[in-house]
Amino acid sequence: MTTPPARSGSSARVDRATTREIEDALGRGRTTLIVPLGSTEQHGGHLPLATDTLIADALAQRLAARRPEAWVLPALPLGCADEHLGFAGTMSLAESTLHAIVHDLLRSAAEHGFERAFVFSAHGGNAAALARLARELEAGGAVLDTCVFTDFDAVFAAQSRAAAAFGVSPEAAGHHGGEWETSVLAALEPALVRGDAIAAGYLADAEEAGALFYPRLDARVPGGVVGDPRGADAGRGEAYLSAWVDVLEAAWASAFGPPGDPPR
């Protein structure tokens, strides 16, 4: 059998490395694990249910590119999404299930010699569950030095500033399936954006948006979109992702300090 040249092992994705590559890198100090959380939930008629998962994976990859001491797990494609269960296809975990999954992942990572973990979600519906998880871990339940990112207000502020730079209002950029997420998906996976189904959604400011989603979004927004995706542009996608990664990197630096040296 003819085999391709050996890979360098520089990829940040755990699932795309071999066990020997991970073992070698751990021995050289590459001991931080990024744990991105996504969701399988409706995003209107124009975006796939995998939207949050695709964004979580993209954010994790870009964060790891700035942090050479990090490995990245595949984004978890399920989260706490009861607020979207009125829309076909949405899948939702109980909070206790999500907590158990994260605990199990951290335990597995510790078994192999990982020392730190950075947990974040691209699905806002995980916010309350992650806040409670952070308190659990701080109370002594962590097997690793773990930062659970929960500052979704900082993310929304960064998103709004990035959108404003392109002349897009916070209401149009949106909280779910609006211009922001649609631009990002158009950049990441353009074939998954149903352009003929793009339509204006419900426009809401930050204060109103929080009340719209709970207990069920479909009761107030039957179309499932909070924002206006009609002005979406793939050319903005990378700038939007970068703005979010800036927020994550600041949280990382606060928790873990400056970047470590890349593996030798």
Protein backbone atom coordinates (compact mmCIF):
# COMPACT_ATOMS: atom_id res chain seq x y z
CA MET A 1 0.00 0.00 0.00
CA THR A 2 1.33 3.45 -0.92
CA THR A 3 1.03 5.87 1.99
CA PRO A 4 1.00 9.68 1.89
CA PRO A 5 3.79 11.66 3.52
CA ALA A 6 3.61 11.85 7.31
CA ARG A 7 1.68 14.82 8.70
CA SER A 8 3.47 17.29 10.89
CA GLY A 9 0.95 16.94 13.71
CA SER A 10 0.46 20.71 13.77
CA SER A 11 -3.31 20.55 13.37
CA ALA A 12 -5.18 21.71 16.45
CA ARG A 13 -8.07 19.26 16.01
CA VAL A 14 -7.87 16.32 18.41
CA ASP A 15 -9.99 14.11 16.16
CA ARG A 16 -7.73 14.69 13.15
CA ALA A 17 -4.51 13.85 14.96
CA THR A 18 -3.21 10.39 15.80
CA THR A 19 -2.86 9.20 19.36
CA ARG A 20 0.94 9.33 19.00
CA GLU A 21 0.84 12.93 17.79
CA ILE A 22 -1.25 13.94 20.78
CA GLU A 23 0.94 12.02 23.20
CA ASP A 24 4.09 13.63 21.80
CA ALA A 25 2.60 17.13 21.90
CA LEU A 26 1.38 16.67 25.47
CA GLY A 27 4.91 15.71 26.42
CA ARG A 28 6.14 18.98 24.92
CA GLY A 29 3.69 21.11 26.88
CA ARG A 30 0.72 21.40 24.55
CA THR A 31 -1.68 20.66 27.39
CA THR A 32 -4.69 22.97 27.03
CA LEU A 33 -7.97 21.74 25.55
CA ILE A 34 -10.59 23.96 23.93
CA VAL A 35 -14.11 22.56 24.39
CA PRO A 36 -16.56 24.30 22.00
CA LEU A 37 -20.29 23.80 22.46
CA GLY A 38 -22.84 24.11 19.67
CA SER A 39 -26.45 23.07 19.19
CA THR A 40 -28.87 21.42 16.78
CA GLU A 41 -31.69 23.92 16.57
CA GLN A 42 -33.75 25.91 14.11
CA HIS A 43 -32.35 29.09 12.58
CA GLY A 44 -35.29 30.07 10.43
CA GLY A 45 -35.97 28.82 6.95
CA HIS A 46 -32.64 29.90 5.50
CA LEU A 47 -29.97 28.52 7.86
CA PRO A 48 -29.28 24.90 8.88
CA LEU A 49 -29.86 23.48 12.33
CA ALA A 50 -26.07 23.04 12.59
CA THR A 51 -25.47 26.82 12.53
CA ASP A 52 -24.29 27.17 16.14
CA THR A 53 -22.12 24.06 15.86
CA LEU A 54 -20.44 25.26 12.68
CA ILE A 55 -19.76 28.64 14.28
CA ALA A 56 -18.45 27.04 17.48
CA ASP A 57 -16.01 24.96 15.49
CA ALA A 58 -14.85 27.96 13.47
CA LEU A 59 -14.33 30.03 16.61
CA ALA A 60 -12.38 27.23 18.30
CA GLN A 61 -10.09 26.81 15.31
CA ARG A 62 -9.37 30.52 15.17
CA LEU A 63 -8.76 30.72 18.91
CA ALA A 64 -6.34 27.80 18.72
CA ALA A 65 -4.48 29.54 15.89
CA ARG A 66 -3.72 32.32 18.38
CA ARG A 67 -2.91 29.89 21.19
CA PRO A 68 -0.28 27.36 20.09
CA GLU A 69 -0.53 25.47 23.39
CA ALA A 70 -4.10 24.42 22.61
CA TRP A 71 -5.87 21.41 21.16
CA VAL A 72 -9.48 21.61 19.98
CA LEU A 73 -12.26 19.08 20.47
CA PRO A 74 -14.92 18.81 17.76
CA ALA A 75 -17.79 21.14 18.65
CA LEU A 76 -20.52 19.37 20.62
CA PRO A 77 -23.54 19.47 18.28
CA LEU A 78 -26.15 19.40 21.06
CA GLY A 79 -27.06 21.87 23.80
CA CYS A 80 -29.85 23.17 26.00
CA ALA A 81 -32.35 24.39 23.41
CA ASP A 82 -35.83 23.94 24.88
CA GLU A 83 -36.72 27.45 23.69
CA HIS A 84 -36.57 26.18 20.09
CA LEU A 85 -38.48 22.91 20.52
CA GLY A 86 -41.52 24.45 18.84
CA PHE A 87 -39.59 24.19 15.55
CA ALA A 88 -39.13 20.85 13.80
CA GLY A 89 -35.73 19.23 14.03
CA THR A 90 -34.50 21.01 17.15
CA MET A 91 -32.84 18.68 19.66
CA SER A 92 -32.31 19.66 23.29
CA LEU A 93 -30.35 18.30 26.23
CA ALA A 94 -31.33 18.61 29.86
CA GLU A 95 -28.92 20.86 31.75
CA SER A 96 -27.81 17.91 33.88
CA THR A 97 -26.94 16.00 30.69
CA LEU A 98 -24.84 18.87 29.34
CA HIS A 99 -23.04 19.16 32.68
CA ALA A 100 -22.36 15.42 32.71
CA ILE A 101 -20.97 15.50 29.17
CA VAL A 102 -18.57 18.34 29.97
CA HIS A 103 -17.48 16.66 33.21
CA ASP A 104 -16.81 13.43 31.30
CA LEU A 105 -14.79 15.25 28.65
CA LEU A 106 -12.67 16.97 31.29
CA ARG A 107 -12.14 13.67 33.10
CA SER A 108 -11.03 12.01 29.87
CA ALA A 109 -8.66 14.87 29.09
CA ALA A 110 -7.12 14.72 32.56
CA GLU A 111 -6.52 10.99 32.11
CA HIS A 112 -4.23 11.75 29.15
CA GLY A 113 -2.27 14.55 30.76
CA PHE A 114 -4.14 17.68 29.73
CA GLU A 115 -3.79 20.34 32.41
CA ARG A 116 -6.22 23.11 31.40
CA ALA A 117 -9.51 23.48 29.55
CA PHE A 118 -11.35 26.42 28.01
CA VAL A 119 -15.08 25.80 27.60
CA PHE A 120 -17.30 28.14 25.57
CA SER A 121 -20.59 28.02 23.67
CA ALA A 122 -21.71 29.51 20.37
CA HIS A 123 -25.31 28.81 21.43
CA GLY A 124 -26.71 31.47 23.73
CA GLY A 125 -29.25 29.05 25.17
CA ASN A 126 -26.41 27.35 27.04
CA ALA A 127 -25.69 30.53 29.00
CA ALA A 128 -27.51 29.71 32.23
CA ALA A 129 -26.33 26.10 32.21
CA LEU A 130 -22.72 27.19 31.74
CA ALA A 131 -22.96 29.76 34.54
CA ARG A 132 -24.09 27.03 36.92
CA LEU A 133 -21.41 24.67 35.60
CA ALA A 134 -18.75 27.31 36.25
CA ARG A 135 -19.90 27.59 39.85
CA GLU A 136 -19.78 23.80 40.23
CA LEU A 137 -16.23 23.67 38.93
CA GLU A 138 -15.12 26.59 41.07
CA ALA A 139 -16.55 24.80 44.11
CA GLY A 140 -14.08 21.96 43.60
CA GLY A 141 -15.60 19.77 40.93
CA ALA A 142 -12.94 20.34 38.29
CA VAL A 143 -10.30 17.76 37.42
CA LEU A 144 -8.50 20.36 35.27
CA ASP A 145 -7.78 24.04 35.61
CA THR A 146 -10.90 25.08 33.71
CA CYS A 147 -12.20 28.40 32.41
CA VAL A 148 -15.89 28.32 31.48
CA PHE A 149 -16.67 31.38 29.37
CA THR A 150 -20.07 32.86 30.27
CA ASP A 151 -19.88 36.55 29.30
CA PHE A 152 -22.44 36.56 26.49
CA ASP A 153 -23.04 40.27 27.04
CA ALA A 154 -19.44 40.92 25.98
CA VAL A 155 -19.98 38.79 22.88
CA PHE A 156 -23.11 40.69 21.89
CA ALA A 157 -21.37 44.03 22.44
CA ALA A 158 -18.46 42.92 20.23
CA GLN A 159 -20.88 41.66 17.58
CA SER A 160 -22.74 44.96 17.62
CA ARG A 161 -19.53 46.97 17.22
CA ALA A 162 -18.37 44.77 14.34
CA ALA A 163 -21.74 45.06 12.61
CA ALA A 164 -21.84 48.82 13.13
CA ALA A 165 -18.52 49.11 11.30
CA PHE A 166 -20.40 47.85 8.22
CA GLY A 167 -23.40 50.07 8.82
CA VAL A 168 -25.54 47.24 10.21
CA SER A 169 -27.73 47.98 13.25
CA PRO A 170 -27.68 45.67 16.29
CA GLU A 171 -31.34 44.85 15.64
CA ALA A 172 -30.67 43.76 12.05
CA ALA A 173 -27.48 41.90 12.99
CA GLY A 174 -29.79 40.08 15.31
CA HIS A 175 -29.89 37.50 18.05
CA HIS A 176 -30.87 34.47 16.00
CA GLY A 177 -30.60 33.87 12.27
CA GLY A 178 -30.11 37.56 11.51
CA GLU A 179 -27.54 39.37 9.39
CA TRP A 180 -24.64 38.41 11.66
CA GLU A 181 -25.13 34.63 11.69
CA THR A 182 -26.17 34.58 8.05
CA SER A 183 -23.02 36.45 6.99
CA VAL A 184 -20.87 34.05 8.99
CA LEU A 185 -22.55 30.96 7.52
CA ALA A 186 -22.28 32.45 4.03
CA ALA A 187 -18.53 32.69 4.61
CA LEU A 188 -18.09 29.27 6.23
CA GLU A 189 -20.60 27.09 4.37
CA PRO A 190 -22.25 29.06 1.56
CA ALA A 191 -23.97 25.98 0.12
CA LEU A 192 -25.94 25.62 3.36
CA VAL A 193 -27.53 29.07 3.17
CA ARG A 194 -30.94 28.91 1.45
CA GLY A 195 -30.84 32.28 -0.29
CA ASP A 196 -34.35 32.00 -1.67
CA ALA A 197 -35.73 31.62 1.86
CA ILE A 198 -34.08 34.70 3.35
CA ALA A 199 -36.67 37.08 4.78
CA ALA A 200 -36.84 39.79 7.42
CA GLY A 201 -37.28 38.50 10.94
CA TYR A 202 -38.43 40.09 14.17
CA LEU A 203 -36.36 43.15 15.11
CA ALA A 204 -35.63 43.45 18.82
CA ASP A 205 -33.13 45.25 21.01
CA ALA A 206 -31.04 43.35 23.53
CA GLU A 207 -33.48 43.83 26.38
CA GLU A 208 -36.53 42.67 24.46
CA ALA A 209 -34.72 39.76 22.80
CA GLY A 210 -34.10 38.01 26.10
CA ALA A 211 -37.82 37.91 26.83
CA LEU A 212 -38.71 36.70 23.34
CA PHE A 213 -36.93 33.37 23.58
CA TYR A 214 -38.31 32.00 26.84
CA PRO A 215 -40.05 29.79 27.48
CA ARG A 216 -40.60 29.19 23.74
CA LEU A 217 -39.59 31.42 20.83
CA ASP A 218 -42.29 30.16 18.48
CA ALA A 219 -45.00 31.67 20.69
CA ARG A 220 -43.74 35.17 19.88
CA VAL A 221 -41.72 34.75 16.68
CA PRO A 222 -43.33 32.05 14.50
CA GLY A 223 -40.67 32.46 11.81
CA GLY A 224 -37.87 31.74 14.27
CA VAL A 225 -35.61 34.64 13.16
CA VAL A 226 -34.70 37.54 15.43
CA GLY A 227 -32.88 39.98 13.16
CA ASP A 228 -32.88 40.81 9.46
CA PRO A 229 -30.68 38.55 7.31
CA ARG A 230 -31.55 40.24 4.00
CA GLY A 231 -28.39 42.37 4.03
CA ALA A 232 -26.05 39.48 4.87
CA ASP A 233 -22.69 39.42 3.11
CA ALA A 234 -20.12 36.62 3.20
CA GLY A 235 -17.40 39.25 3.03
CA ARG A 236 -18.20 40.27 6.61
CA GLY A 237 -18.06 36.77 8.02
CA GLU A 238 -14.39 36.68 8.94
CA ALA A 239 -14.53 40.11 10.61
CA TYR A 240 -17.50 38.94 12.68
CA LEU A 241 -15.73 35.77 13.75
CA SER A 242 -12.57 37.70 14.61
CA ALA A 243 -14.53 40.05 16.86
CA TRP A 244 -15.90 37.08 18.82
CA VAL A 245 -12.49 35.42 19.04
CA ASP A 246 -11.07 38.67 20.46
CA VAL A 247 -13.53 38.36 23.35
CA LEU A 248 -12.67 34.69 23.92
CA GLU A 249 -8.94 35.41 23.80
CA ALA A 250 -9.31 38.17 26.40
CA ALA A 251 -11.12 35.74 28.71
CA TRP A 252 -8.39 33.16 28.07
CA ALA A 253 -5.64 35.64 28.95
CA SER A 254 -7.46 36.60 32.13
CA ALA A 255 -7.75 32.96 33.17
CA PHE A 256 -4.49 31.48 31.93
CA GLY A 257 -2.11 34.34 31.13
CA PRO A 258 -0.27 35.15 27.88
CA PRO A 259 0.17 32.60 25.10
CA GLY A 260 2.54 29.76 25.76
CA ASP A 261 5.35 28.73 23.45
CA PRO A 262 4.37 26.48 20.53
CA PRO A 263 5.29 22.80 20.81
CA ARG A 264 8.82 22.06 19.73
